[in-house]
């Protein structure tokens, strides 16, 4: 039996760590206005994992906000450096981990872009990445 892969995502200062076991259930980019502000970039890059595959270590603070769906999302960030490392929300049991926090150039690419209608127009992506104008259910 093959052992499941373990990855570690960290904040900028290394104080907050998230260890994940196994492959992500999903990987996506989001270009909604909240994710642009959250990441300080043109999109956020998230990987979803089942809750039992995720272990967080270190101090974190939560920033709760409500998406366009009206459901809450808690973004967990390091109180020292301010980097968001993981999130979870009302919409499902999965834990989102900021894929950039793995600092792994071989991390799998996203399957889709949510809120592609709000992305910066210069952002071009490979053909196989699905562009969705919204998120499902909205």
N, C-alpha and C. Protein backbone atom coordinates (compact mmCIF):
# COMPACT_ATOMS: atom_id res chain seq x y z
N UNK A 1 0.84 -1.19 0.00
CA UNK A 1 0.00 0.00 0.00
C UNK A 1 0.88 1.25 0.00
N UNK A 2 0.58 2.18 -0.88
CA UNK A 2 1.36 3.42 -0.98
C UNK A 2 0.99 4.37 0.14
N UNK A 3 2.02 4.96 0.77
CA UNK A 3 1.78 5.94 1.83
C UNK A 3 1.25 7.22 1.21
N UNK A 4 0.34 7.88 1.92
CA UNK A 4 -0.17 9.13 1.38
C UNK A 4 0.85 10.24 1.59
N UNK A 5 0.89 11.13 0.63
CA UNK A 5 1.84 12.23 0.66
C UNK A 5 1.47 13.24 1.75
N UNK A 6 2.48 13.77 2.41
CA UNK A 6 2.28 14.80 3.41
C UNK A 6 2.94 16.07 2.92
N UNK A 7 2.22 17.19 3.04
CA UNK A 7 2.75 18.50 2.67
C UNK A 7 2.55 19.43 3.86
N UNK A 8 3.40 20.45 3.95
CA UNK A 8 3.27 21.44 5.02
C UNK A 8 3.18 22.84 4.39
N UNK A 9 2.13 23.54 4.77
CA UNK A 9 1.95 24.94 4.36
C UNK A 9 2.29 25.80 5.56
N UNK A 10 2.97 26.92 5.33
CA UNK A 10 3.32 27.80 6.44
C UNK A 10 3.03 29.25 6.07
N UNK A 11 2.90 30.04 7.12
CA UNK A 11 2.77 31.48 6.92
C UNK A 11 4.15 32.05 6.59
N UNK A 12 4.23 33.34 6.41
CA UNK A 12 5.49 33.99 6.05
C UNK A 12 6.57 33.85 7.09
N UNK A 13 6.21 33.93 8.38
CA UNK A 13 7.22 33.85 9.44
C UNK A 13 7.44 32.43 9.92
N UNK A 14 6.59 31.48 9.50
CA UNK A 14 6.77 30.07 9.86
C UNK A 14 6.11 29.66 11.16
N UNK A 15 5.47 30.58 11.85
CA UNK A 15 4.85 30.28 13.15
C UNK A 15 3.59 29.42 12.99
N UNK A 16 2.76 29.69 11.96
CA UNK A 16 1.53 28.93 11.71
C UNK A 16 1.79 27.93 10.61
N UNK A 17 1.56 26.66 10.92
CA UNK A 17 1.80 25.58 9.96
C UNK A 17 0.54 24.74 9.81
N UNK A 18 0.31 24.26 8.61
CA UNK A 18 -0.79 23.35 8.34
C UNK A 18 -0.21 22.15 7.61
N UNK A 19 -0.35 20.98 8.24
CA UNK A 19 0.10 19.74 7.61
C UNK A 19 -1.10 19.06 6.99
N UNK A 20 -0.98 18.66 5.73
CA UNK A 20 -2.05 17.94 5.04
C UNK A 20 -1.53 16.59 4.58
N UNK A 21 -2.42 15.61 4.62
CA UNK A 21 -2.09 14.26 4.18
C UNK A 21 -2.96 13.91 2.99
N UNK A 22 -2.33 13.38 1.97
CA UNK A 22 -3.05 12.98 0.78
C UNK A 22 -3.13 14.09 -0.26
N UNK A 23 -3.77 13.76 -1.35
CA UNK A 23 -3.91 14.72 -2.44
C UNK A 23 -5.14 15.60 -2.22
N UNK A 24 -5.13 16.82 -2.74
CA UNK A 24 -6.28 17.70 -2.59
C UNK A 24 -7.52 17.12 -3.28
N UNK A 25 -8.68 17.43 -2.71
CA UNK A 25 -9.95 17.06 -3.34
C UNK A 25 -10.22 17.93 -4.56
N UNK A 26 -9.76 19.17 -4.48
CA UNK A 26 -9.97 20.13 -5.56
C UNK A 26 -8.92 21.23 -5.43
N UNK A 27 -8.64 21.89 -6.54
CA UNK A 27 -7.69 23.01 -6.57
C UNK A 27 -8.28 24.06 -7.51
N UNK A 28 -8.33 25.30 -7.05
CA UNK A 28 -8.93 26.34 -7.88
C UNK A 28 -8.32 27.70 -7.58
N UNK A 29 -8.57 28.61 -8.49
CA UNK A 29 -8.26 30.03 -8.30
C UNK A 29 -9.60 30.74 -8.07
N UNK A 30 -9.56 31.85 -7.36
CA UNK A 30 -10.76 32.67 -7.22
C UNK A 30 -10.36 34.12 -7.42
N UNK A 31 -11.11 34.80 -8.30
CA UNK A 31 -10.84 36.21 -8.60
C UNK A 31 -11.93 37.13 -8.07
N UNK A 32 -12.70 36.67 -7.08
CA UNK A 32 -13.70 37.58 -6.51
C UNK A 32 -12.96 38.72 -5.80
N UNK A 33 -13.65 39.81 -5.56
CA UNK A 33 -13.02 40.98 -4.95
C UNK A 33 -12.45 40.65 -3.57
N UNK A 34 -13.17 39.82 -2.78
CA UNK A 34 -12.66 39.45 -1.45
C UNK A 34 -11.34 38.69 -1.55
N UNK A 35 -11.25 37.75 -2.48
CA UNK A 35 -10.01 36.97 -2.61
C UNK A 35 -8.86 37.82 -3.14
N UNK A 36 -9.17 38.77 -4.01
CA UNK A 36 -8.11 39.67 -4.48
C UNK A 36 -7.55 40.47 -3.31
N UNK A 37 -8.45 40.98 -2.47
CA UNK A 37 -8.00 41.75 -1.31
C UNK A 37 -7.30 40.86 -0.29
N UNK A 38 -7.84 39.67 -0.06
CA UNK A 38 -7.26 38.74 0.90
C UNK A 38 -5.83 38.36 0.53
N UNK A 39 -5.62 38.06 -0.75
CA UNK A 39 -4.31 37.60 -1.19
C UNK A 39 -3.35 38.75 -1.51
N UNK A 40 -3.91 39.92 -1.77
CA UNK A 40 -3.07 41.04 -2.20
C UNK A 40 -2.58 40.84 -3.63
N UNK A 41 -3.25 39.96 -4.35
CA UNK A 41 -2.88 39.62 -5.73
C UNK A 41 -4.14 39.59 -6.59
N UNK A 42 -4.01 39.18 -7.81
CA UNK A 42 -5.15 39.17 -8.73
C UNK A 42 -6.10 38.00 -8.49
N UNK A 43 -5.71 37.04 -7.68
CA UNK A 43 -6.55 35.88 -7.37
C UNK A 43 -5.99 35.19 -6.13
N UNK A 44 -6.81 34.33 -5.56
CA UNK A 44 -6.32 33.42 -4.52
C UNK A 44 -6.21 32.04 -5.16
N UNK A 45 -5.39 31.19 -4.57
CA UNK A 45 -5.07 29.86 -5.12
C UNK A 45 -5.27 28.88 -3.97
N UNK A 46 -6.35 28.09 -4.03
CA UNK A 46 -6.76 27.24 -2.91
C UNK A 46 -6.76 25.77 -3.27
N UNK A 47 -6.43 24.95 -2.29
CA UNK A 47 -6.54 23.50 -2.39
C UNK A 47 -7.46 23.04 -1.27
N UNK A 48 -8.43 22.20 -1.60
CA UNK A 48 -9.37 21.71 -0.61
C UNK A 48 -9.00 20.30 -0.15
N UNK A 49 -9.07 20.10 1.16
CA UNK A 49 -8.75 18.82 1.77
C UNK A 49 -9.86 18.41 2.73
N UNK A 50 -10.05 17.10 2.95
CA UNK A 50 -11.02 16.69 3.97
C UNK A 50 -10.52 17.12 5.35
N UNK A 51 -11.43 17.48 6.25
CA UNK A 51 -11.00 17.96 7.58
C UNK A 51 -10.08 17.01 8.33
N UNK A 52 -10.30 15.70 8.19
CA UNK A 52 -9.47 14.74 8.94
C UNK A 52 -8.07 14.57 8.34
N UNK A 53 -7.79 15.24 7.22
CA UNK A 53 -6.46 15.18 6.61
C UNK A 53 -5.64 16.43 6.92
N UNK A 54 -6.18 17.32 7.75
CA UNK A 54 -5.55 18.62 8.01
C UNK A 54 -5.26 18.78 9.50
N UNK A 55 -4.02 19.17 9.81
CA UNK A 55 -3.63 19.47 11.19
C UNK A 55 -2.96 20.83 11.21
N UNK A 56 -3.53 21.75 11.98
CA UNK A 56 -2.97 23.10 12.12
C UNK A 56 -2.17 23.18 13.41
N UNK A 57 -1.03 23.85 13.36
CA UNK A 57 -0.16 24.04 14.53
C UNK A 57 0.27 25.50 14.58
N UNK A 58 0.29 26.05 15.78
CA UNK A 58 0.68 27.45 15.95
C UNK A 58 -0.53 28.31 16.22
N UNK A 59 -0.27 29.55 16.53
CA UNK A 59 -1.35 30.49 16.82
C UNK A 59 -1.96 31.01 15.53
N UNK A 60 -3.28 31.20 15.57
CA UNK A 60 -3.97 31.78 14.42
C UNK A 60 -5.09 32.68 14.92
N UNK A 61 -5.49 33.56 14.05
CA UNK A 61 -6.65 34.41 14.28
C UNK A 61 -7.58 34.21 13.10
N UNK A 62 -8.87 34.46 13.33
CA UNK A 62 -9.85 34.28 12.27
C UNK A 62 -10.38 35.63 11.81
N UNK A 63 -10.58 35.72 10.51
CA UNK A 63 -11.30 36.83 9.92
C UNK A 63 -12.53 36.23 9.25
N UNK A 64 -13.70 36.48 9.83
CA UNK A 64 -14.94 35.95 9.27
C UNK A 64 -15.54 36.99 8.33
N UNK A 65 -15.89 36.52 7.17
CA UNK A 65 -16.61 37.38 6.25
C UNK A 65 -17.67 36.56 5.54
N UNK A 66 -18.54 37.24 4.84
CA UNK A 66 -19.65 36.59 4.15
C UNK A 66 -19.46 36.76 2.65
N UNK A 67 -19.54 35.64 1.94
CA UNK A 67 -19.39 35.68 0.49
C UNK A 67 -20.66 36.15 -0.19
N UNK A 68 -20.63 36.25 -1.50
CA UNK A 68 -21.80 36.66 -2.26
C UNK A 68 -22.98 35.70 -2.06
N UNK A 69 -22.69 34.49 -1.62
CA UNK A 69 -23.73 33.49 -1.35
C UNK A 69 -24.47 33.79 -0.05
N UNK A 70 -23.89 34.63 0.79
CA UNK A 70 -24.46 34.90 2.10
C UNK A 70 -23.93 33.97 3.19
N UNK A 71 -23.12 33.02 2.80
CA UNK A 71 -22.55 32.07 3.78
C UNK A 71 -21.22 32.60 4.31
N UNK A 72 -20.90 32.25 5.58
CA UNK A 72 -19.67 32.74 6.20
C UNK A 72 -18.47 31.89 5.83
N UNK A 73 -17.33 32.53 5.87
CA UNK A 73 -16.03 31.89 5.63
C UNK A 73 -15.08 32.43 6.69
N UNK A 74 -14.39 31.54 7.39
CA UNK A 74 -13.36 31.95 8.34
C UNK A 74 -11.99 31.76 7.70
N UNK A 75 -11.29 32.86 7.47
CA UNK A 75 -9.92 32.81 6.96
C UNK A 75 -9.00 32.86 8.17
N UNK A 76 -8.15 31.85 8.31
CA UNK A 76 -7.27 31.72 9.46
C UNK A 76 -5.89 32.25 9.08
N UNK A 77 -5.44 33.25 9.85
CA UNK A 77 -4.17 33.88 9.52
C UNK A 77 -3.25 33.94 10.73
N UNK A 78 -1.98 34.14 10.47
CA UNK A 78 -0.96 34.25 11.51
C UNK A 78 -1.06 35.63 12.16
N UNK A 79 -1.16 35.69 13.50
CA UNK A 79 -1.24 37.00 14.16
C UNK A 79 0.08 37.76 14.14
N UNK A 80 1.18 37.10 13.79
CA UNK A 80 2.49 37.76 13.74
C UNK A 80 2.73 38.40 12.38
N UNK A 81 2.63 37.61 11.30
CA UNK A 81 2.96 38.14 9.97
C UNK A 81 1.73 38.48 9.13
N UNK A 82 0.56 38.00 9.54
CA UNK A 82 -0.68 38.34 8.85
C UNK A 82 -1.04 37.47 7.66
N UNK A 83 -0.23 36.48 7.30
CA UNK A 83 -0.54 35.64 6.14
C UNK A 83 -1.68 34.67 6.43
N UNK A 84 -2.65 34.61 5.52
CA UNK A 84 -3.73 33.62 5.60
C UNK A 84 -3.18 32.30 5.10
N UNK A 85 -3.39 31.25 5.91
CA UNK A 85 -2.87 29.93 5.54
C UNK A 85 -3.99 28.94 5.23
N UNK A 86 -5.11 29.04 5.94
CA UNK A 86 -6.20 28.11 5.66
C UNK A 86 -7.54 28.75 5.96
N UNK A 87 -8.60 28.08 5.51
CA UNK A 87 -9.94 28.61 5.72
C UNK A 87 -10.94 27.46 5.77
N UNK A 88 -12.08 27.75 6.32
CA UNK A 88 -13.20 26.81 6.29
C UNK A 88 -14.47 27.64 6.36
N UNK A 89 -15.58 27.03 6.00
CA UNK A 89 -16.79 27.83 5.96
C UNK A 89 -18.06 27.03 6.06
N UNK A 90 -19.12 27.77 5.99
CA UNK A 90 -20.47 27.25 6.13
C UNK A 90 -20.87 26.38 4.94
N UNK A 91 -20.21 26.56 3.81
CA UNK A 91 -20.63 25.88 2.59
C UNK A 91 -20.23 24.40 2.52
N UNK A 92 -19.34 23.96 3.40
CA UNK A 92 -18.96 22.56 3.32
C UNK A 92 -17.92 22.18 4.35
N UNK A 93 -17.69 20.90 4.47
CA UNK A 93 -16.75 20.44 5.49
C UNK A 93 -15.28 20.59 5.11
N UNK A 94 -14.98 20.80 3.83
CA UNK A 94 -13.59 20.84 3.38
C UNK A 94 -12.84 22.02 4.00
N UNK A 95 -11.54 21.82 4.16
CA UNK A 95 -10.65 22.89 4.63
C UNK A 95 -9.85 23.36 3.42
N UNK A 96 -9.89 24.66 3.19
CA UNK A 96 -9.11 25.24 2.11
C UNK A 96 -7.75 25.65 2.63
N UNK A 97 -6.71 25.27 1.91
CA UNK A 97 -5.35 25.67 2.28
C UNK A 97 -4.81 26.52 1.13
N UNK A 98 -4.24 27.66 1.48
CA UNK A 98 -3.66 28.53 0.47
C UNK A 98 -2.53 27.78 -0.22
N UNK A 99 -2.71 27.46 -1.49
CA UNK A 99 -1.73 26.63 -2.20
C UNK A 99 -0.36 27.30 -2.26
N UNK A 100 -0.31 28.63 -2.30
CA UNK A 100 0.96 29.33 -2.29
C UNK A 100 1.73 29.14 -0.99
N UNK A 101 1.03 28.83 0.09
CA UNK A 101 1.67 28.61 1.39
C UNK A 101 2.50 27.33 1.43
N UNK A 102 2.30 26.45 0.45
CA UNK A 102 3.14 25.25 0.37
C UNK A 102 4.51 25.59 -0.20
N UNK A 103 4.62 26.72 -0.93
CA UNK A 103 5.87 27.12 -1.57
C UNK A 103 6.48 25.95 -2.34
N UNK A 104 5.65 25.29 -3.13
CA UNK A 104 6.02 24.09 -3.86
C UNK A 104 5.75 24.33 -5.35
N UNK A 105 6.80 24.52 -6.12
CA UNK A 105 6.65 24.79 -7.55
C UNK A 105 6.01 23.62 -8.30
N UNK A 106 6.01 22.43 -7.70
CA UNK A 106 5.41 21.26 -8.33
C UNK A 106 3.97 21.00 -7.86
N UNK A 107 3.41 21.94 -7.08
CA UNK A 107 2.03 21.76 -6.62
C UNK A 107 1.12 21.71 -7.84
N UNK A 108 0.10 20.86 -7.82
CA UNK A 108 -0.77 20.74 -9.00
C UNK A 108 -1.44 22.06 -9.38
N UNK A 109 -1.73 22.22 -10.66
CA UNK A 109 -2.36 23.46 -11.13
C UNK A 109 -3.85 23.48 -10.79
N UNK A 110 -4.47 24.65 -10.87
CA UNK A 110 -5.90 24.75 -10.62
C UNK A 110 -6.70 24.09 -11.74
N UNK A 111 -7.90 23.64 -11.40
CA UNK A 111 -8.80 23.05 -12.39
C UNK A 111 -9.73 24.10 -12.98
N UNK A 112 -9.99 25.19 -12.21
CA UNK A 112 -10.93 26.20 -12.65
C UNK A 112 -10.63 27.52 -11.98
N UNK A 113 -11.25 28.56 -12.51
CA UNK A 113 -11.19 29.89 -11.92
C UNK A 113 -12.62 30.31 -11.63
N UNK A 114 -12.91 30.55 -10.35
CA UNK A 114 -14.20 31.11 -9.97
C UNK A 114 -14.13 32.63 -10.12
N UNK A 115 -15.24 33.22 -10.47
CA UNK A 115 -15.33 34.66 -10.67
C UNK A 115 -14.35 35.15 -11.74
N UNK A 116 -14.23 34.35 -12.79
CA UNK A 116 -13.36 34.72 -13.91
C UNK A 116 -13.80 36.05 -14.52
N UNK A 117 -15.07 36.38 -14.36
CA UNK A 117 -15.59 37.65 -14.87
C UNK A 117 -14.96 38.85 -14.16
N UNK A 118 -14.38 38.61 -12.99
CA UNK A 118 -13.76 39.70 -12.22
C UNK A 118 -12.23 39.66 -12.26
N UNK A 119 -11.69 38.71 -13.02
CA UNK A 119 -10.22 38.61 -13.04
C UNK A 119 -9.62 39.78 -13.80
N UNK A 120 -8.37 40.05 -13.54
CA UNK A 120 -7.67 41.09 -14.29
C UNK A 120 -7.55 40.62 -15.73
N UNK A 121 -7.82 41.49 -16.67
CA UNK A 121 -7.93 41.08 -18.07
C UNK A 121 -6.62 40.59 -18.68
N UNK A 122 -5.49 40.96 -18.11
CA UNK A 122 -4.21 40.49 -18.64
C UNK A 122 -3.92 39.05 -18.23
N UNK A 123 -4.66 38.52 -17.25
CA UNK A 123 -4.41 37.17 -16.74
C UNK A 123 -4.89 36.13 -17.75
N UNK A 124 -3.96 35.42 -18.34
CA UNK A 124 -4.30 34.34 -19.26
C UNK A 124 -3.89 33.03 -18.62
N UNK A 125 -4.65 32.00 -18.90
CA UNK A 125 -4.44 30.70 -18.29
C UNK A 125 -4.43 29.62 -19.36
N UNK A 126 -3.88 28.46 -19.04
CA UNK A 126 -3.92 27.35 -20.00
C UNK A 126 -5.36 27.00 -20.38
N UNK A 127 -5.56 26.49 -21.58
CA UNK A 127 -6.88 26.15 -22.10
C UNK A 127 -7.64 25.18 -21.21
N UNK A 128 -6.94 24.29 -20.54
CA UNK A 128 -7.63 23.26 -19.73
C UNK A 128 -8.20 23.80 -18.42
N UNK A 129 -7.89 25.03 -18.05
CA UNK A 129 -8.43 25.63 -16.84
C UNK A 129 -9.79 26.24 -17.17
N UNK A 130 -10.84 25.70 -16.54
CA UNK A 130 -12.21 26.16 -16.79
C UNK A 130 -12.44 27.55 -16.17
N UNK A 131 -13.06 28.43 -16.95
CA UNK A 131 -13.36 29.79 -16.48
C UNK A 131 -14.85 29.87 -16.15
N UNK A 132 -15.16 30.16 -14.89
CA UNK A 132 -16.54 30.28 -14.45
C UNK A 132 -16.80 31.72 -14.01
N UNK A 133 -17.87 32.32 -14.50
CA UNK A 133 -18.15 33.71 -14.18
C UNK A 133 -18.54 33.91 -12.71
N UNK A 134 -19.04 32.88 -12.07
CA UNK A 134 -19.44 32.92 -10.66
C UNK A 134 -18.99 31.63 -9.99
N UNK A 135 -19.48 31.42 -8.79
CA UNK A 135 -19.30 30.13 -8.13
C UNK A 135 -20.61 29.37 -8.25
N UNK A 136 -20.56 28.05 -8.24
CA UNK A 136 -21.79 27.27 -8.34
C UNK A 136 -22.77 27.65 -7.23
N UNK A 137 -24.05 27.64 -7.58
CA UNK A 137 -25.08 27.93 -6.60
C UNK A 137 -25.44 29.40 -6.48
N UNK A 138 -24.77 30.27 -7.24
CA UNK A 138 -25.09 31.70 -7.16
C UNK A 138 -25.79 32.15 -8.42
